[in-house]
Amino acid sequence: MTGKKWLAAAGGLLLLIQILRPERTNPASDSSLALSQLASPPAEIELTLKNACLDCHSNQTVWPWYSEVAPLSWMIADHVKRGRAELNFSEWGRYQSGERAHLLKEAQELLEKREMPPWGYRLFHPEARLSDAEIAALSQWAERERANLEAAGQQTADR
């Protein structure tokens, strides 16, 4: 196959796969269940979460233009689906107190190991490239929030 035929075949295949569209939705949410309502994080923490976490870990995903183009669209939709399944800040109120504490601990560990946000997300979203100071602030906030959840759980158990 010549170079021109190969290029034409690849282009045709790229056009053809655009027909296969993944589901890209932002499910309706009850705002009273959102982390921002229940935990009231400081403004700088909310901004960091918005820039680095909420596209995959909430129901308020901002779908960029390239999420319309296969095969990227398939990967992005799958990442969002898996991210929401692991941790959804829009559904924070649906988690039990102990589960919230556990999720915060896991998030804290992934942040500190720089495994979150994933490198592929950081590649296209420079605002998600967290500084050491942002990671430290998020980690400290998560630690305080976990302590609050554990204290509230202890008070409930004492009653």
C-alpha atoms as a PDB file:
ATOM      1  CA  MET A   1       0.000   0.000   0.000  1.00  0.00           C
ATOM      2  CA  THR A   2       1.415   3.371  -0.973  1.00  0.00           C
ATOM      3  CA  GLY A   3       1.774   6.260   1.429  1.00  0.00           C
ATOM      4  CA  LYS A   4      -1.180   8.156  -0.068  1.00  0.00           C
ATOM      5  CA  LYS A   5      -3.470   5.115   0.104  1.00  0.00           C
ATOM      6  CA  TRP A   6      -2.368   4.431   3.673  1.00  0.00           C
ATOM      7  CA  LEU A   7      -3.084   8.041   4.659  1.00  0.00           C
ATOM      8  CA  ALA A   8      -6.484   7.967   2.929  1.00  0.00           C
ATOM      9  CA  ALA A   9      -7.415   4.697   4.650  1.00  0.00           C
ATOM     10  CA  ALA A  10      -6.353   6.042   8.061  1.00  0.00           C
ATOM     11  CA  GLY A  11      -8.331   9.253   7.462  1.00  0.00           C
ATOM     12  CA  GLY A  12     -11.387   7.260   6.392  1.00  0.00           C
ATOM     13  CA  LEU A  13     -11.133   5.081   9.484  1.00  0.00           C
ATOM     14  CA  LEU A  14     -10.815   8.158  11.702  1.00  0.00           C
ATOM     15  CA  LEU A  15     -13.973   9.603  10.145  1.00  0.00           C
ATOM     16  CA  LEU A  16     -15.823   6.303  10.460  1.00  0.00           C
ATOM     17  CA  ILE A  17     -15.100   5.861  14.166  1.00  0.00           C
ATOM     18  CA  GLN A  18     -16.688   9.262  14.890  1.00  0.00           C
ATOM     19  CA  ILE A  19     -20.045   7.474  14.601  1.00  0.00           C
ATOM     20  CA  LEU A  20     -19.369   5.579  17.840  1.00  0.00           C
ATOM     21  CA  ARG A  21     -20.261   8.195  20.467  1.00  0.00           C
ATOM     22  CA  PRO A  22     -19.819   7.533  24.180  1.00  0.00           C
ATOM     23  CA  GLU A  23     -22.315   8.855  26.696  1.00  0.00           C
ATOM     24  CA  ARG A  24     -21.154  12.213  27.997  1.00  0.00           C
ATOM     25  CA  THR A  25     -23.591  13.389  30.595  1.00  0.00           C
ATOM     26  CA  ASN A  26     -23.721  15.473  33.710  1.00  0.00           C
ATOM     27  CA  PRO A  27     -26.356  13.796  35.852  1.00  0.00           C
ATOM     28  CA  ALA A  28     -28.760  16.009  37.751  1.00  0.00           C
ATOM     29  CA  SER A  29     -27.578  16.569  41.294  1.00  0.00           C
ATOM     30  CA  ASP A  30     -29.071  17.728  44.542  1.00  0.00           C
ATOM     31  CA  SER A  31     -26.765  20.611  45.481  1.00  0.00           C
ATOM     32  CA  SER A  32     -27.465  20.010  49.172  1.00  0.00           C
ATOM     33  CA  LEU A  33     -25.469  16.745  48.867  1.00  0.00           C
ATOM     34  CA  ALA A  34     -22.365  18.403  47.396  1.00  0.00           C
ATOM     35  CA  LEU A  35     -19.084  18.549  49.280  1.00  0.00           C
ATOM     36  CA  SER A  36     -19.084  22.345  49.003  1.00  0.00           C
ATOM     37  CA  GLN A  37     -22.366  22.491  50.928  1.00  0.00           C
ATOM     38  CA  LEU A  38     -21.633  19.844  53.542  1.00  0.00           C
ATOM     39  CA  ALA A  39     -17.950  20.444  54.277  1.00  0.00           C
ATOM     40  CA  SER A  40     -17.690  24.145  53.376  1.00  0.00           C
ATOM     41  CA  PRO A  41     -14.063  24.004  52.220  1.00  0.00           C
ATOM     42  CA  PRO A  42     -12.160  27.308  52.142  1.00  0.00           C
ATOM     43  CA  ALA A  43     -12.268  29.189  48.829  1.00  0.00           C
ATOM     44  CA  GLU A  44      -8.709  28.229  47.849  1.00  0.00           C
ATOM     45  CA  ILE A  45      -9.479  24.539  48.432  1.00  0.00           C
ATOM     46  CA  GLU A  46     -12.673  24.795  46.384  1.00  0.00           C
ATOM     47  CA  LEU A  47     -10.706  26.410  43.551  1.00  0.00           C
ATOM     48  CA  THR A  48      -8.059  23.694  43.634  1.00  0.00           C
ATOM     49  CA  LEU A  49     -10.733  20.986  43.644  1.00  0.00           C
ATOM     50  CA  LYS A  50     -12.458  22.691  40.701  1.00  0.00           C
ATOM     51  CA  ASN A  51      -9.210  22.957  38.723  1.00  0.00           C
ATOM     52  CA  ALA A  52      -7.845  19.499  39.449  1.00  0.00           C
ATOM     53  CA  CYS A  53     -10.617  17.141  40.561  1.00  0.00           C
ATOM     54  CA  LEU A  54     -14.200  18.015  39.696  1.00  0.00           C
ATOM     55  CA  ASP A  55     -14.138  17.234  35.973  1.00  0.00           C
ATOM     56  CA  CYS A  56     -13.824  13.532  36.823  1.00  0.00           C
ATOM     57  CA  HIS A  57     -15.088  13.443  40.405  1.00  0.00           C
ATOM     58  CA  SER A  58     -18.384  15.348  40.187  1.00  0.00           C
ATOM     59  CA  ASN A  59     -21.511  15.643  38.085  1.00  0.00           C
ATOM     60  CA  GLN A  60     -20.335  19.027  36.785  1.00  0.00           C
ATOM     61  CA  THR A  61     -17.838  17.817  34.215  1.00  0.00           C
ATOM     62  CA  VAL A  62     -16.689  20.429  31.730  1.00  0.00           C
ATOM     63  CA  TRP A  63     -16.440  18.453  28.502  1.00  0.00           C
ATOM     64  CA  PRO A  64     -13.703  20.025  26.327  1.00  0.00           C
ATOM     65  CA  TRP A  65     -13.972  20.158  22.554  1.00  0.00           C
ATOM     66  CA  TYR A  66     -11.589  17.223  22.118  1.00  0.00           C
ATOM     67  CA  SER A  67     -13.942  15.008  24.145  1.00  0.00           C
ATOM     68  CA  GLU A  68     -16.069  15.022  20.960  1.00  0.00           C
ATOM     69  CA  VAL A  69     -13.348  13.347  18.890  1.00  0.00           C
ATOM     70  CA  ALA A  70     -12.899   9.570  18.860  1.00  0.00           C
ATOM     71  CA  PRO A  71     -10.879   7.806  20.122  1.00  0.00           C
ATOM     72  CA  LEU A  72     -10.176  10.485  22.776  1.00  0.00           C
ATOM     73  CA  SER A  73     -13.912  10.734  23.454  1.00  0.00           C
ATOM     74  CA  TRP A  74     -14.007   7.077  24.494  1.00  0.00           C
ATOM     75  CA  MET A  75     -11.064   7.408  26.878  1.00  0.00           C
ATOM     76  CA  ILE A  76     -12.313  10.639  28.455  1.00  0.00           C
ATOM     77  CA  ALA A  77     -15.859   9.333  28.951  1.00  0.00           C
ATOM     78  CA  ASP A  78     -14.454   6.171  30.541  1.00  0.00           C
ATOM     79  CA  HIS A  79     -12.165   8.160  32.866  1.00  0.00           C
ATOM     80  CA  VAL A  80     -15.074  10.340  34.003  1.00  0.00           C
ATOM     81  CA  LYS A  81     -17.318   7.313  34.528  1.00  0.00           C
ATOM     82  CA  ARG A  82     -14.661   5.535  36.611  1.00  0.00           C
ATOM     83  CA  GLY A  83     -13.766   8.732  38.489  1.00  0.00           C
ATOM     84  CA  ARG A  84     -17.375   9.339  39.505  1.00  0.00           C
ATOM     85  CA  ALA A  85     -17.723   5.715  40.580  1.00  0.00           C
ATOM     86  CA  GLU A  86     -14.655   5.987  42.846  1.00  0.00           C
ATOM     87  CA  LEU A  87     -15.474   9.390  44.354  1.00  0.00           C
ATOM     88  CA  ASN A  88     -18.192  11.869  43.452  1.00  0.00           C
ATOM     89  CA  PHE A  89     -18.047  15.210  45.263  1.00  0.00           C
ATOM     90  CA  SER A  90     -21.527  16.056  43.912  1.00  0.00           C
ATOM     91  CA  GLU A  91     -22.882  13.065  45.854  1.00  0.00           C
ATOM     92  CA  TRP A  92     -20.825  13.623  49.030  1.00  0.00           C
ATOM     93  CA  GLY A  93     -23.929  13.534  51.229  1.00  0.00           C
ATOM     94  CA  ARG A  94     -24.786  10.012  50.070  1.00  0.00           C
ATOM     95  CA  TYR A  95     -21.608   8.614  51.639  1.00  0.00           C
ATOM     96  CA  GLN A  96     -21.623   7.546  55.283  1.00  0.00           C
ATOM     97  CA  SER A  97     -19.308   9.456  57.613  1.00  0.00           C
ATOM     98  CA  GLY A  98     -16.758   6.622  57.819  1.00  0.00           C
ATOM     99  CA  GLU A  99     -16.753   6.254  54.048  1.00  0.00           C
ATOM    100  CA  ARG A 100     -16.145   9.998  53.634  1.00  0.00           C
ATOM    101  CA  ALA A 101     -13.155   9.781  55.991  1.00  0.00           C
ATOM    102  CA  HIS A 102     -11.810   6.790  54.039  1.00  0.00           C
ATOM    103  CA  LEU A 103     -12.262   8.550  50.674  1.00  0.00           C
ATOM    104  CA  LEU A 104     -10.466  11.637  51.966  1.00  0.00           C
ATOM    105  CA  LYS A 105      -7.586   9.476  53.218  1.00  0.00           C
ATOM    106  CA  GLU A 106      -7.294   7.735  49.835  1.00  0.00           C
ATOM    107  CA  ALA A 107      -7.434  11.045  47.970  1.00  0.00           C
ATOM    108  CA  GLN A 108      -4.799  12.475  50.274  1.00  0.00           C
ATOM    109  CA  GLU A 109      -2.475   9.534  49.629  1.00  0.00           C
ATOM    110  CA  LEU A 110      -2.937   9.742  45.847  1.00  0.00           C
ATOM    111  CA  LEU A 111      -2.288  13.484  45.878  1.00  0.00           C
ATOM    112  CA  GLU A 112       0.844  13.143  47.964  1.00  0.00           C
ATOM    113  CA  LYS A 113       2.153  10.426  45.617  1.00  0.00           C
ATOM    114  CA  ARG A 114       1.228  12.727  42.709  1.00  0.00           C
ATOM    115  CA  GLU A 115      -0.939  10.019  41.160  1.00  0.00           C
ATOM    116  CA  MET A 116      -3.890  12.420  41.089  1.00  0.00           C
ATOM    117  CA  PRO A 117      -4.790  14.177  38.984  1.00  0.00           C
ATOM    118  CA  PRO A 118      -3.587  11.720  36.339  1.00  0.00           C
ATOM    119  CA  TRP A 119      -0.773  12.835  34.048  1.00  0.00           C
ATOM    120  CA  GLY A 120      -3.024  12.701  30.973  1.00  0.00           C
ATOM    121  CA  TYR A 121      -5.424  15.175  32.560  1.00  0.00           C
ATOM    122  CA  ARG A 122      -2.564  17.437  33.644  1.00  0.00           C
ATOM    123  CA  LEU A 123      -1.232  17.344  30.084  1.00  0.00           C
ATOM    124  CA  PHE A 124      -4.346  19.092  28.727  1.00  0.00           C
ATOM    125  CA  HIS A 125      -5.194  21.077  31.877  1.00  0.00           C
ATOM    126  CA  PRO A 126      -2.222  23.120  33.105  1.00  0.00           C
ATOM    127  CA  GLU A 127      -4.328  24.472  35.991  1.00  0.00           C
ATOM    128  CA  ALA A 128      -4.444  20.902  37.354  1.00  0.00           C
ATOM    129  CA  ARG A 129      -0.653  20.752  37.721  1.00  0.00           C
ATOM    130  CA  LEU A 130      -0.658  21.214  41.468  1.00  0.00           C
ATOM    131  CA  SER A 131       2.193  22.925  43.228  1.00  0.00           C
ATOM    132  CA  ASP A 132       3.718  21.526  46.408  1.00  0.00           C
ATOM    133  CA  ALA A 133       1.868  24.265  48.323  1.00  0.00           C
ATOM    134  CA  GLU A 134      -1.489  23.328  46.765  1.00  0.00           C
ATOM    135  CA  ILE A 135      -0.938  19.651  47.540  1.00  0.00           C
ATOM    136  CA  ALA A 136       0.032  20.501  51.120  1.00  0.00           C
ATOM    137  CA  ALA A 137      -3.044  22.731  51.536  1.00  0.00           C
ATOM    138  CA  LEU A 138      -5.368  20.035  50.142  1.00  0.00           C
ATOM    139  CA  SER A 139      -3.743  17.401  52.310  1.00  0.00           C
ATOM    140  CA  GLN A 140      -4.048  19.532  55.450  1.00  0.00           C
ATOM    141  CA  TRP A 141      -7.674  20.335  54.668  1.00  0.00           C
ATOM    142  CA  ALA A 142      -8.439  16.633  54.087  1.00  0.00           C
ATOM    143  CA  GLU A 143      -6.766  15.781  57.383  1.00  0.00           C
ATOM    144  CA  ARG A 144      -8.860  18.376  59.261  1.00  0.00           C
ATOM    145  CA  GLU A 145     -12.032  17.235  57.541  1.00  0.00           C
ATOM    146  CA  ARG A 146     -11.289  13.603  58.418  1.00  0.00           C
ATOM    147  CA  ALA A 147     -10.739  14.602  62.047  1.00  0.00           C
ATOM    148  CA  ASN A 148     -14.082  16.454  62.046  1.00  0.00           C
ATOM    149  CA  LEU A 149     -15.848  13.420  60.567  1.00  0.00           C
ATOM    150  CA  GLU A 150     -14.246  11.064  63.083  1.00  0.00           C
ATOM    151  CA  ALA A 151     -15.111  13.402  66.001  1.00  0.00           C
ATOM    152  CA  ALA A 152     -18.710  13.663  64.802  1.00  0.00           C
ATOM    153  CA  GLY A 153     -18.852   9.866  64.469  1.00  0.00           C
ATOM    154  CA  GLN A 154     -17.482   9.452  67.992  1.00  0.00           C
ATOM    155  CA  GLN A 155     -20.061  11.870  69.411  1.00  0.00           C
ATOM    156  CA  THR A 156     -22.844   9.924  67.721  1.00  0.00           C
ATOM    157  CA  ALA A 157     -21.470   6.646  69.086  1.00  0.00           C
ATOM    158  CA  ASP A 158     -21.307   8.112  72.621  1.00  0.00           C
ATOM    159  CA  ARG A 159     -25.011   8.927  72.639  1.00  0.00           C
END
